[in-house]
Amino acid sequence: AVAVVATGIAGETDALNLACSLLTLAQLCLQNLFIIEGLHRQPFDE
């Protein structure tokens, strides 16, 4: 993301590259929260 922004978004490939990087960061954070919360919950089975 730093390389794309610093050199300037010159075309469609740069825009897709930047969007992919930023959305992957969001996906990593949200998925980590979901998995960690799930691992620390009691099972539904009584």
ModelCIF file with pLDDT and N, C-alpha, C, O atoms, coordinates in Angstrom:
data_MODEL
#
_entry.id   MODEL 
#
_entity.id                         1 
_entity.type                       polymer 
_entity.pdbx_number_of_molecules   1 
#
_entity_poly.entity_id                      1 
_entity_poly.type                           'polypeptide(L)' 
_entity_poly.nstd_linkage                   no 
_entity_poly.nstd_monomer                   no 
_entity_poly.pdbx_seq_one_letter_code       AVAVVATGIAGETDALNLACSLLTLAQLCLQNLFIIEGLHRQPFDE 
_entity_poly.pdbx_seq_one_letter_code_can   AVAVVATGIAGETDALNLACSLLTLAQLCLQNLFIIEGLHRQPFDE 
_entity_poly.pdbx_strand_id                 A 
#
loop_
_entity_poly_seq.entity_id 
_entity_poly_seq.num 
_entity_poly_seq.mon_id 
_entity_poly_seq.hetero 
1 1  ALA n 
1 2  VAL n 
1 3  ALA n 
1 4  VAL n 
1 5  VAL n 
1 6  ALA n 
1 7  THR n 
1 8  GLY n 
1 9  ILE n 
1 10 ALA n 
1 11 GLY n 
1 12 GLU n 
1 13 THR n 
1 14 ASP n 
1 15 ALA n 
1 16 LEU n 
1 17 ASN n 
1 18 LEU n 
1 19 ALA n 
1 20 CYS n 
1 21 SER n 
1 22 LEU n 
1 23 LEU n 
1 24 THR n 
1 25 LEU n 
1 26 ALA n 
1 27 GLN n 
1 28 LEU n 
1 29 CYS n 
1 30 LEU n 
1 31 GLN n 
1 32 ASN n 
1 33 LEU n 
1 34 PHE n 
1 35 ILE n 
1 36 ILE n 
1 37 GLU n 
1 38 GLY n 
1 39 LEU n 
1 40 HIS n 
1 41 ARG n 
1 42 GLN n 
1 43 PRO n 
1 44 PHE n 
1 45 ASP n 
1 46 GLU n 
#
_struct_asym.id          A 
_struct_asym.entity_id   1 
#
loop_
_ma_qa_metric.id 
_ma_qa_metric.mode 
_ma_qa_metric.name 
_ma_qa_metric.software_group_id 
_ma_qa_metric.type 
1 global pLDDT . pLDDT 
2 local  pLDDT . pLDDT 
#
_ma_qa_metric_global.metric_id      1 
_ma_qa_metric_global.metric_value   87.26 
_ma_qa_metric_global.model_id       1 
_ma_qa_metric_global.ordinal_id     1 
#
loop_
_ma_qa_metric_local.label_asym_id 
_ma_qa_metric_local.label_comp_id 
_ma_qa_metric_local.label_seq_id 
_ma_qa_metric_local.metric_id 
_ma_qa_metric_local.metric_value 
_ma_qa_metric_local.model_id 
_ma_qa_metric_local.ordinal_id 
A ALA 1  2 93.00 1 1  
A VAL 2  2 93.00 1 2  
A ALA 3  2 92.00 1 3  
A VAL 4  2 92.00 1 4  
A VAL 5  2 92.00 1 5  
A ALA 6  2 91.00 1 6  
A THR 7  2 89.00 1 7  
A GLY 8  2 85.00 1 8  
A ILE 9  2 84.00 1 9  
A ALA 10 2 81.00 1 10 
A GLY 11 2 84.00 1 11 
A GLU 12 2 89.00 1 12 
A THR 13 2 89.00 1 13 
A ASP 14 2 90.00 1 14 
A ALA 15 2 92.00 1 15 
A LEU 16 2 92.00 1 16 
A ASN 17 2 91.00 1 17 
A LEU 18 2 93.00 1 18 
A ALA 19 2 93.00 1 19 
A CYS 20 2 94.00 1 20 
A SER 21 2 93.00 1 21 
A LEU 22 2 94.00 1 22 
A LEU 23 2 95.00 1 23 
A THR 24 2 95.00 1 24 
A LEU 25 2 94.00 1 25 
A ALA 26 2 95.00 1 26 
A GLN 27 2 94.00 1 27 
A LEU 28 2 94.00 1 28 
A CYS 29 2 94.00 1 29 
A LEU 30 2 95.00 1 30 
A GLN 31 2 94.00 1 31 
A ASN 32 2 94.00 1 32 
A LEU 33 2 93.00 1 33 
A PHE 34 2 92.00 1 34 
A ILE 35 2 92.00 1 35 
A ILE 36 2 91.00 1 36 
A GLU 37 2 88.00 1 37 
A GLY 38 2 86.00 1 38 
A LEU 39 2 85.00 1 39 
A HIS 40 2 80.00 1 40 
A ARG 41 2 76.00 1 41 
A GLN 42 2 70.00 1 42 
A PRO 43 2 70.00 1 43 
A PHE 44 2 63.00 1 44 
A ASP 45 2 53.00 1 45 
A GLU 46 2 45.00 1 46 
#
loop_
_atom_site.group_PDB 
_atom_site.id 
_atom_site.type_symbol 
_atom_site.label_atom_id 
_atom_site.label_alt_id 
_atom_site.label_comp_id 
_atom_site.label_asym_id 
_atom_site.label_entity_id 
_atom_site.label_seq_id 
_atom_site.pdbx_PDB_ins_code 
_atom_site.Cartn_x 
_atom_site.Cartn_y 
_atom_site.Cartn_z 
_atom_site.occupancy 
_atom_site.B_iso_or_equiv 
_atom_site.pdbx_formal_charge 
_atom_site.auth_seq_id 
_atom_site.auth_comp_id 
_atom_site.auth_asym_id 
_atom_site.auth_atom_id 
_atom_site.pdbx_PDB_model_num 
ATOM 1   N N  . ALA A 1 1  ? 0.827   -1.212  0.000   1.00 93.00 ? 1  ALA A N  1 
ATOM 2   C CA . ALA A 1 1  ? 0.000   0.000   0.000   1.00 93.00 ? 1  ALA A CA 1 
ATOM 3   C C  . ALA A 1 1  ? 0.862   1.263   0.000   1.00 93.00 ? 1  ALA A C  1 
ATOM 4   O O  . ALA A 1 1  ? 0.557   2.225   -0.705  1.00 93.00 ? 1  ALA A O  1 
ATOM 5   N N  . VAL A 1 2  ? 1.931   1.259   0.785   1.00 93.00 ? 2  VAL A N  1 
ATOM 6   C CA . VAL A 1 2  ? 2.820   2.427   0.819   1.00 93.00 ? 2  VAL A CA 1 
ATOM 7   C C  . VAL A 1 2  ? 3.472   2.653   -0.544  1.00 93.00 ? 2  VAL A C  1 
ATOM 8   O O  . VAL A 1 2  ? 3.582   3.791   -1.001  1.00 93.00 ? 2  VAL A O  1 
ATOM 9   N N  . ALA A 1 3  ? 3.903   1.569   -1.193  1.00 92.00 ? 3  ALA A N  1 
ATOM 10  C CA . ALA A 1 3  ? 4.543   1.695   -2.506  1.00 92.00 ? 3  ALA A CA 1 
ATOM 11  C C  . ALA A 1 3  ? 3.573   2.250   -3.546  1.00 92.00 ? 3  ALA A C  1 
ATOM 12  O O  . ALA A 1 3  ? 3.946   3.097   -4.358  1.00 92.00 ? 3  ALA A O  1 
ATOM 13  N N  . VAL A 1 4  ? 2.325   1.774   -3.520  1.00 92.00 ? 4  VAL A N  1 
ATOM 14  C CA . VAL A 1 4  ? 1.335   2.237   -4.506  1.00 92.00 ? 4  VAL A CA 1 
ATOM 15  C C  . VAL A 1 4  ? 0.996   3.697   -4.284  1.00 92.00 ? 4  VAL A C  1 
ATOM 16  O O  . VAL A 1 4  ? 0.961   4.477   -5.236  1.00 92.00 ? 4  VAL A O  1 
ATOM 17  N N  . VAL A 1 5  ? 0.745   4.079   -3.036  1.00 92.00 ? 5  VAL A N  1 
ATOM 18  C CA . VAL A 1 5  ? 0.371   5.468   -2.744  1.00 92.00 ? 5  VAL A CA 1 
ATOM 19  C C  . VAL A 1 5  ? 1.543   6.416   -3.017  1.00 92.00 ? 5  VAL A C  1 
ATOM 20  O O  . VAL A 1 5  ? 1.351   7.506   -3.555  1.00 92.00 ? 5  VAL A O  1 
ATOM 21  N N  . ALA A 1 6  ? 2.757   5.996   -2.645  1.00 91.00 ? 6  ALA A N  1 
ATOM 22  C CA . ALA A 1 6  ? 3.909   6.885   -2.813  1.00 91.00 ? 6  ALA A CA 1 
ATOM 23  C C  . ALA A 1 6  ? 4.249   7.118   -4.278  1.00 91.00 ? 6  ALA A C  1 
ATOM 24  O O  . ALA A 1 6  ? 4.673   8.215   -4.642  1.00 91.00 ? 6  ALA A O  1 
ATOM 25  N N  . THR A 1 7  ? 4.071   6.113   -5.122  1.00 89.00 ? 7  THR A N  1 
ATOM 26  C CA . THR A 1 7  ? 4.387   6.266   -6.544  1.00 89.00 ? 7  THR A CA 1 
ATOM 27  C C  . THR A 1 7  ? 3.223   6.842   -7.337  1.00 89.00 ? 7  THR A C  1 
ATOM 28  O O  . THR A 1 7  ? 3.391   7.245   -8.488  1.00 89.00 ? 7  THR A O  1 
ATOM 29  N N  . GLY A 1 8  ? 2.039   6.881   -6.722  1.00 85.00 ? 8  GLY A N  1 
ATOM 30  C CA . GLY A 1 8  ? 0.870   7.428   -7.417  1.00 85.00 ? 8  GLY A CA 1 
ATOM 31  C C  . GLY A 1 8  ? 0.079   6.342   -8.098  1.00 85.00 ? 8  GLY A C  1 
ATOM 32  O O  . GLY A 1 8  ? 0.641   5.459   -8.746  1.00 85.00 ? 8  GLY A O  1 
ATOM 33  N N  . ILE A 1 9  ? -1.240  6.411   -7.947  1.00 84.00 ? 9  ILE A N  1 
ATOM 34  C CA . ILE A 1 9  ? -2.126  5.404   -8.548  1.00 84.00 ? 9  ILE A CA 1 
ATOM 35  C C  . ILE A 1 9  ? -2.284  5.751   -10.023 1.00 84.00 ? 9  ILE A C  1 
ATOM 36  O O  . ILE A 1 9  ? -3.075  6.618   -10.394 1.00 84.00 ? 9  ILE A O  1 
ATOM 37  N N  . ALA A 1 10 ? -1.508  5.050   -10.856 1.00 81.00 ? 10 ALA A N  1 
ATOM 38  C CA . ALA A 1 10 ? -1.422  5.423   -12.270 1.00 81.00 ? 10 ALA A CA 1 
ATOM 39  C C  . ALA A 1 10 ? -2.482  4.780   -13.135 1.00 81.00 ? 10 ALA A C  1 
ATOM 40  O O  . ALA A 1 10 ? -2.772  5.287   -14.219 1.00 81.00 ? 10 ALA A O  1 
ATOM 41  N N  . GLY A 1 11 ? -3.071  3.682   -12.694 1.00 84.00 ? 11 GLY A N  1 
ATOM 42  C CA . GLY A 1 11 ? -4.033  3.008   -13.548 1.00 84.00 ? 11 GLY A CA 1 
ATOM 43  C C  . GLY A 1 11 ? -4.885  2.033   -12.770 1.00 84.00 ? 11 GLY A C  1 
ATOM 44  O O  . GLY A 1 11 ? -4.875  2.021   -11.539 1.00 84.00 ? 11 GLY A O  1 
ATOM 45  N N  . GLU A 1 12 ? -5.629  1.206   -13.508 1.00 89.00 ? 12 GLU A N  1 
ATOM 46  C CA . GLU A 1 12 ? -6.556  0.259   -12.893 1.00 89.00 ? 12 GLU A CA 1 
ATOM 47  C C  . GLU A 1 12 ? -5.817  -0.776  -12.054 1.00 89.00 ? 12 GLU A C  1 
ATOM 48  O O  . GLU A 1 12 ? -6.302  -1.156  -10.988 1.00 89.00 ? 12 GLU A O  1 
ATOM 49  N N  . THR A 1 13 ? -4.658  -1.240  -12.509 1.00 89.00 ? 13 THR A N  1 
ATOM 50  C CA . THR A 1 13 ? -3.914  -2.256  -11.773 1.00 89.00 ? 13 THR A CA 1 
ATOM 51  C C  . THR A 1 13 ? -3.471  -1.735  -10.418 1.00 89.00 ? 13 THR A C  1 
ATOM 52  O O  . THR A 1 13 ? -3.571  -2.451  -9.422  1.00 89.00 ? 13 THR A O  1 
ATOM 53  N N  . ASP A 1 14 ? -2.986  -0.513  -10.360 1.00 90.00 ? 14 ASP A N  1 
ATOM 54  C CA . ASP A 1 14 ? -2.570  0.073   -9.083  1.00 90.00 ? 14 ASP A CA 1 
ATOM 55  C C  . ASP A 1 14 ? -3.755  0.235   -8.142  1.00 90.00 ? 14 ASP A C  1 
ATOM 56  O O  . ASP A 1 14 ? -3.640  -0.018  -6.943  1.00 90.00 ? 14 ASP A O  1 
ATOM 57  N N  . ALA A 1 15 ? -4.899  0.659   -8.689  1.00 92.00 ? 15 ALA A N  1 
ATOM 58  C CA . ALA A 1 15 ? -6.088  0.823   -7.852  1.00 92.00 ? 15 ALA A CA 1 
ATOM 59  C C  . ALA A 1 15 ? -6.545  -0.513  -7.272  1.00 92.00 ? 15 ALA A C  1 
ATOM 60  O O  . ALA A 1 15 ? -6.888  -0.599  -6.093  1.00 92.00 ? 15 ALA A O  1 
ATOM 61  N N  . LEU A 1 16 ? -6.547  -1.558  -8.108  1.00 92.00 ? 16 LEU A N  1 
ATOM 62  C CA . LEU A 1 16 ? -6.940  -2.888  -7.628  1.00 92.00 ? 16 LEU A CA 1 
ATOM 63  C C  . LEU A 1 16 ? -5.937  -3.422  -6.614  1.00 92.00 ? 16 LEU A C  1 
ATOM 64  O O  . LEU A 1 16 ? -6.318  -4.051  -5.627  1.00 92.00 ? 16 LEU A O  1 
ATOM 65  N N  . ASN A 1 17 ? -4.664  -3.170  -6.860  1.00 91.00 ? 17 ASN A N  1 
ATOM 66  C CA . ASN A 1 17 ? -3.625  -3.608  -5.927  1.00 91.00 ? 17 ASN A CA 1 
ATOM 67  C C  . ASN A 1 17 ? -3.798  -2.957  -4.560  1.00 91.00 ? 17 ASN A C  1 
ATOM 68  O O  . ASN A 1 17 ? -3.692  -3.627  -3.533  1.00 91.00 ? 17 ASN A O  1 
ATOM 69  N N  . LEU A 1 18 ? -4.063  -1.653  -4.545  1.00 93.00 ? 18 LEU A N  1 
ATOM 70  C CA . LEU A 1 18 ? -4.272  -0.938  -3.284  1.00 93.00 ? 18 LEU A CA 1 
ATOM 71  C C  . LEU A 1 18 ? -5.536  -1.421  -2.584  1.00 93.00 ? 18 LEU A C  1 
ATOM 72  O O  . LEU A 1 18 ? -5.523  -1.657  -1.376  1.00 93.00 ? 18 LEU A O  1 
ATOM 73  N N  . ALA A 1 19 ? -6.626  -1.571  -3.330  1.00 93.00 ? 19 ALA A N  1 
ATOM 74  C CA . ALA A 1 19 ? -7.888  -2.042  -2.731  1.00 93.00 ? 19 ALA A CA 1 
ATOM 75  C C  . ALA A 1 19 ? -7.732  -3.444  -2.153  1.00 93.00 ? 19 ALA A C  1 
ATOM 76  O O  . ALA A 1 19 ? -8.242  -3.736  -1.072  1.00 93.00 ? 19 ALA A O  1 
ATOM 77  N N  . CYS A 1 20 ? -7.023  -4.312  -2.881  1.00 94.00 ? 20 CYS A N  1 
ATOM 78  C CA . CYS A 1 20 ? -6.808  -5.678  -2.403  1.00 94.00 ? 20 CYS A CA 1 
ATOM 79  C C  . CYS A 1 20 ? -6.010  -5.677  -1.104  1.00 94.00 ? 20 CYS A C  1 
ATOM 80  O O  . CYS A 1 20 ? -6.327  -6.432  -0.185  1.00 94.00 ? 20 CYS A O  1 
ATOM 81  N N  . SER A 1 21 ? -4.984  -4.842  -1.016  1.00 93.00 ? 21 SER A N  1 
ATOM 82  C CA . SER A 1 21 ? -4.156  -4.784  0.189   1.00 93.00 ? 21 SER A CA 1 
ATOM 83  C C  . SER A 1 21 ? -4.955  -4.281  1.390   1.00 93.00 ? 21 SER A C  1 
ATOM 84  O O  . SER A 1 21 ? -4.878  -4.866  2.470   1.00 93.00 ? 21 SER A O  1 
ATOM 85  N N  . LEU A 1 22 ? -5.721  -3.204  1.212   1.00 94.00 ? 22 LEU A N  1 
ATOM 86  C CA . LEU A 1 22 ? -6.477  -2.625  2.327   1.00 94.00 ? 22 LEU A CA 1 
ATOM 87  C C  . LEU A 1 22 ? -7.594  -3.555  2.791   1.00 94.00 ? 22 LEU A C  1 
ATOM 88  O O  . LEU A 1 22 ? -7.809  -3.722  3.991   1.00 94.00 ? 22 LEU A O  1 
ATOM 89  N N  . LEU A 1 23 ? -8.301  -4.160  1.842   1.00 95.00 ? 23 LEU A N  1 
ATOM 90  C CA . LEU A 1 23 ? -9.385  -5.066  2.221   1.00 95.00 ? 23 LEU A CA 1 
ATOM 91  C C  . LEU A 1 23 ? -8.858  -6.352  2.847   1.00 95.00 ? 23 LEU A C  1 
ATOM 92  O O  . LEU A 1 23 ? -9.515  -6.933  3.712   1.00 95.00 ? 23 LEU A O  1 
ATOM 93  N N  . THR A 1 24 ? -7.691  -6.798  2.423   1.00 95.00 ? 24 THR A N  1 
ATOM 94  C CA . THR A 1 24 ? -7.088  -7.972  3.057   1.00 95.00 ? 24 THR A CA 1 
ATOM 95  C C  . THR A 1 24 ? -6.726  -7.674  4.506   1.00 95.00 ? 24 THR A C  1 
ATOM 96  O O  . THR A 1 24 ? -6.885  -8.534  5.372   1.00 95.00 ? 24 THR A O  1 
ATOM 97  N N  . LEU A 1 25 ? -6.241  -6.466  4.779   1.00 94.00 ? 25 LEU A N  1 
ATOM 98  C CA . LEU A 1 25 ? -5.956  -6.080  6.160   1.00 94.00 ? 25 LEU A CA 1 
ATOM 99  C C  . LEU A 1 25 ? -7.220  -6.115  7.015   1.00 94.00 ? 25 LEU A C  1 
ATOM 100 O O  . LEU A 1 25 ? -7.197  -6.620  8.137   1.00 94.00 ? 25 LEU A O  1 
ATOM 101 N N  . ALA A 1 26 ? -8.310  -5.586  6.493   1.00 95.00 ? 26 ALA A N  1 
ATOM 102 C CA . ALA A 1 26 ? -9.580  -5.618  7.230   1.00 95.00 ? 26 ALA A CA 1 
ATOM 103 C C  . ALA A 1 26 ? -10.045 -7.052  7.445   1.00 95.00 ? 26 ALA A C  1 
ATOM 104 O O  . ALA A 1 26 ? -10.524 -7.400  8.525   1.00 95.00 ? 26 ALA A O  1 
ATOM 105 N N  . GLN A 1 27 ? -9.904  -7.879  6.421   1.00 94.00 ? 27 GLN A N  1 
ATOM 106 C CA . GLN A 1 27 ? -10.324 -9.280  6.534   1.00 94.00 ? 27 GLN A CA 1 
ATOM 107 C C  . GLN A 1 27 ? -9.520  -10.026 7.596   1.00 94.00 ? 27 GLN A C  1 
ATOM 108 O O  . GLN A 1 27 ? -10.078 -10.826 8.346   1.00 94.00 ? 27 GLN A O  1 
ATOM 109 N N  . LEU A 1 28 ? -8.224  -9.771  7.664   1.00 94.00 ? 28 LEU A N  1 
ATOM 110 C CA . LEU A 1 28 ? -7.386  -10.424 8.666   1.00 94.00 ? 28 LEU A CA 1 
ATOM 111 C C  . LEU A 1 28 ? -7.820  -10.050 10.079  1.00 94.00 ? 28 LEU A C  1 
ATOM 112 O O  . LEU A 1 28 ? -7.942  -10.917 10.944  1.00 94.00 ? 28 LEU A O  1 
ATOM 113 N N  . CYS A 1 29 ? -8.050  -8.765  10.311  1.00 94.00 ? 29 CYS A N  1 
ATOM 114 C CA . CYS A 1 29 ? -8.436  -8.314  11.651  1.00 94.00 ? 29 CYS A CA 1 
ATOM 115 C C  . CYS A 1 29 ? -9.784  -8.881  12.072  1.00 94.00 ? 29 CYS A C  1 
ATOM 116 O O  . CYS A 1 29 ? -9.929  -9.380  13.188  1.00 94.00 ? 29 CYS A O  1 
ATOM 117 N N  . LEU A 1 30 ? -10.770 -8.806  11.183  1.00 95.00 ? 30 LEU A N  1 
ATOM 118 C CA . LEU A 1 30 ? -12.103 -9.304  11.531  1.00 95.00 ? 30 LEU A CA 1 
ATOM 119 C C  . LEU A 1 30 ? -12.111 -10.818 11.715  1.00 95.00 ? 30 LEU A C  1 
ATOM 120 O O  . LEU A 1 30 ? -12.764 -11.329 12.624  1.00 95.00 ? 30 LEU A O  1 
ATOM 121 N N  . GLN A 1 31 ? -11.385 -11.539 10.852  1.00 94.00 ? 31 GLN A N  1 
ATOM 122 C CA . GLN A 1 31 ? -11.363 -12.998 10.984  1.00 94.00 ? 31 GLN A CA 1 
ATOM 123 C C  . GLN A 1 31 ? -10.651 -13.428 12.261  1.00 94.00 ? 31 GLN A C  1 
ATOM 124 O O  . GLN A 1 31 ? -11.078 -14.377 12.918  1.00 94.00 ? 31 GLN A O  1 
ATOM 125 N N  . ASN A 1 32 ? -9.573  -12.742 12.617  1.00 94.00 ? 32 ASN A N  1 
ATOM 126 C CA . ASN A 1 32 ? -8.896  -13.072 13.870  1.00 94.00 ? 32 ASN A CA 1 
ATOM 127 C C  . ASN A 1 32 ? -9.813  -12.888 15.066  1.00 94.00 ? 32 ASN A C  1 
ATOM 128 O O  . ASN A 1 32 ? -9.852  -13.734 15.959  1.00 94.00 ? 32 ASN A O  1 
ATOM 129 N N  . LEU A 1 33 ? -10.553 -11.783 15.087  1.00 93.00 ? 33 LEU A N  1 
ATOM 130 C CA . LEU A 1 33 ? -11.493 -11.547 16.189  1.00 93.00 ? 33 LEU A CA 1 
ATOM 131 C C  . LEU A 1 33 ? -12.559 -12.628 16.238  1.00 93.00 ? 33 LEU A C  1 
ATOM 132 O O  . LEU A 1 33 ? -12.910 -13.104 17.317  1.00 93.00 ? 33 LEU A O  1 
ATOM 133 N N  . PHE A 1 34 ? -13.079 -13.022 15.077  1.00 92.00 ? 34 PHE A N  1 
ATOM 134 C CA . PHE A 1 34 ? -14.128 -14.035 15.034  1.00 92.00 ? 34 PHE A CA 1 
ATOM 135 C C  . PHE A 1 34 ? -13.610 -15.384 15.534  1.00 92.00 ? 34 PHE A C  1 
ATOM 136 O O  . PHE A 1 34 ? -14.279 -16.053 16.323  1.00 92.00 ? 34 PHE A O  1 
ATOM 137 N N  . ILE A 1 35 ? -12.432 -15.781 15.081  1.00 92.00 ? 35 ILE A N  1 
ATOM 138 C CA . ILE A 1 35 ? -11.900 -17.093 15.469  1.00 92.00 ? 35 ILE A CA 1 
ATOM 139 C C  . ILE A 1 35 ? -11.541 -17.114 16.946  1.00 92.00 ? 35 ILE A C  1 
ATOM 140 O O  . ILE A 1 35 ? -11.869 -18.073 17.645  1.00 92.00 ? 35 ILE A O  1 
ATOM 141 N N  . ILE A 1 36 ? -10.879 -16.081 17.429  1.00 91.00 ? 36 ILE A N  1 
ATOM 142 C CA . ILE A 1 36 ? -10.461 -16.056 18.838  1.00 91.00 ? 36 ILE A CA 1 
ATOM 143 C C  . ILE A 1 36 ? -11.667 -16.060 19.756  1.00 91.00 ? 36 ILE A C  1 
ATOM 144 O O  . ILE A 1 36 ? -11.670 -16.750 20.775  1.00 91.00 ? 36 ILE A O  1 
ATOM 145 N N  . GLU A 1 37 ? -12.698 -15.291 19.403  1.00 88.00 ? 37 GLU A N  1 
ATOM 146 C CA . GLU A 1 37 ? -13.921 -15.287 20.213  1.00 88.00 ? 37 GLU A CA 1 
ATOM 147 C C  . GLU A 1 37 ? -14.583 -16.653 20.192  1.00 88.00 ? 37 GLU A C  1 
ATOM 148 O O  . GLU A 1 37 ? -15.084 -17.114 21.217  1.00 88.00 ? 37 GLU A O  1 
ATOM 149 N N  . GLY A 1 38 ? -14.592 -17.306 19.038  1.00 86.00 ? 38 GLY A N  1 
ATOM 150 C CA . GLY A 1 38 ? -15.199 -18.624 18.940  1.00 86.00 ? 38 GLY A CA 1 
ATOM 151 C C  . GLY A 1 38 ? -14.443 -19.683 19.724  1.00 86.00 ? 38 GLY A C  1 
ATOM 152 O O  . GLY A 1 38 ? -15.060 -20.561 20.327  1.00 86.00 ? 38 GLY A O  1 
ATOM 153 N N  . LEU A 1 39 ? -13.110 -19.614 19.724  1.00 85.00 ? 39 LEU A N  1 
ATOM 154 C CA . LEU A 1 39 ? -12.314 -20.597 20.463  1.00 85.00 ? 39 LEU A CA 1 
ATOM 155 C C  . LEU A 1 39 ? -12.490 -20.462 21.971  1.00 85.00 ? 39 LEU A C  1 
ATOM 156 O O  . LEU A 1 39 ? -12.277 -21.427 22.706  1.00 85.00 ? 39 LEU A O  1 
ATOM 157 N N  . HIS A 1 40 ? -12.872 -19.290 22.436  1.00 80.00 ? 40 HIS A N  1 
ATOM 158 C CA . HIS A 1 40 ? -13.005 -19.062 23.871  1.00 80.00 ? 40 HIS A CA 1 
ATOM 159 C C  . HIS A 1 40 ? -14.451 -19.182 24.361  1.00 80.00 ? 40 HIS A C  1 
ATOM 160 O O  . HIS A 1 40 ? -14.727 -18.890 25.524  1.00 80.00 ? 40 HIS A O  1 
ATOM 161 N N  . ARG A 1 41 ? -15.372 -19.604 23.499  1.00 76.00 ? 41 ARG A N  1 
ATOM 162 C CA . ARG A 1 41 ? -16.756 -19.795 23.925  1.00 76.00 ? 41 ARG A CA 1 
ATOM 163 C C  . ARG A 1 41 ? -17.000 -21.239 24.345  1.00 76.00 ? 41 ARG A C  1 
ATOM 164 O O  . ARG A 1 41 ? -16.408 -22.171 23.800  1.00 76.00 ? 41 ARG A O  1 
ATOM 165 N N  . GLN A 1 42 ? -17.890 -21.403 25.329  1.00 70.00 ? 42 GLN A N  1 
ATOM 166 C CA . GLN A 1 42 ? -18.293 -22.743 25.729  1.00 70.00 ? 42 GLN A CA 1 
ATOM 167 C C  . GLN A 1 42 ? -19.063 -23.414 24.590  1.00 70.00 ? 42 GLN A C  1 
ATOM 168 O O  . GLN A 1 42 ? -19.785 -22.733 23.863  1.00 70.00 ? 42 GLN A O  1 
ATOM 169 N N  . PRO A 1 43 ? -18.929 -24.725 24.418  1.00 70.00 ? 43 PRO A N  1 
ATOM 170 C CA . PRO A 1 43 ? -19.712 -25.411 23.378  1.00 70.00 ? 43 PRO A CA 1 
ATOM 171 C C  . PRO A 1 43 ? -21.200 -25.278 23.631  1.00 70.00 ? 43 PRO A C  1 
ATOM 172 O O  . PRO A 1 43 ? -21.638 -25.128 24.771  1.00 70.00 ? 43 PRO A O  1 
ATOM 173 N N  . PHE A 1 44 ? -21.983 -25.333 22.544  1.00 63.00 ? 44 PHE A N  1 
ATOM 174 C CA . PHE A 1 44 ? -23.440 -25.286 22.681  1.00 63.00 ? 44 PHE A CA 1 
ATOM 175 C C  . PHE A 1 44 ? -23.962 -26.551 23.342  1.00 63.00 ? 44 PHE A C  1 
ATOM 176 O O  . PHE A 1 44 ? -24.971 -26.518 24.048  1.00 63.00 ? 44 PHE A O  1 
ATOM 177 N N  . ASP A 1 45 ? -23.271 -27.671 23.113  1.00 53.00 ? 45 ASP A N  1 
ATOM 178 C CA . ASP A 1 45 ? -23.756 -28.938 23.671  1.00 53.00 ? 45 ASP A CA 1 
ATOM 179 C C  . ASP A 1 45 ? -23.712 -28.878 25.187  1.00 53.00 ? 45 ASP A C  1 
ATOM 180 O O  . ASP A 1 45 ? -22.704 -28.498 25.784  1.00 53.00 ? 45 ASP A O  1 
ATOM 181 N N  . GLU A 1 46 ? -24.835 -29.265 25.801  1.00 45.00 ? 46 GLU A N  1 
ATOM 182 C CA . GLU A 1 46 ? -24.894 -29.226 27.252  1.00 45.00 ? 46 GLU A CA 1 
ATOM 183 C C  . GLU A 1 46 ? -24.019 -30.327 27.832  1.00 45.00 ? 46 GLU A C  1 
ATOM 184 O O  . GLU A 1 46 ? -23.930 -30.466 29.052  1.00 45.00 ? 46 GLU A O  1 
#
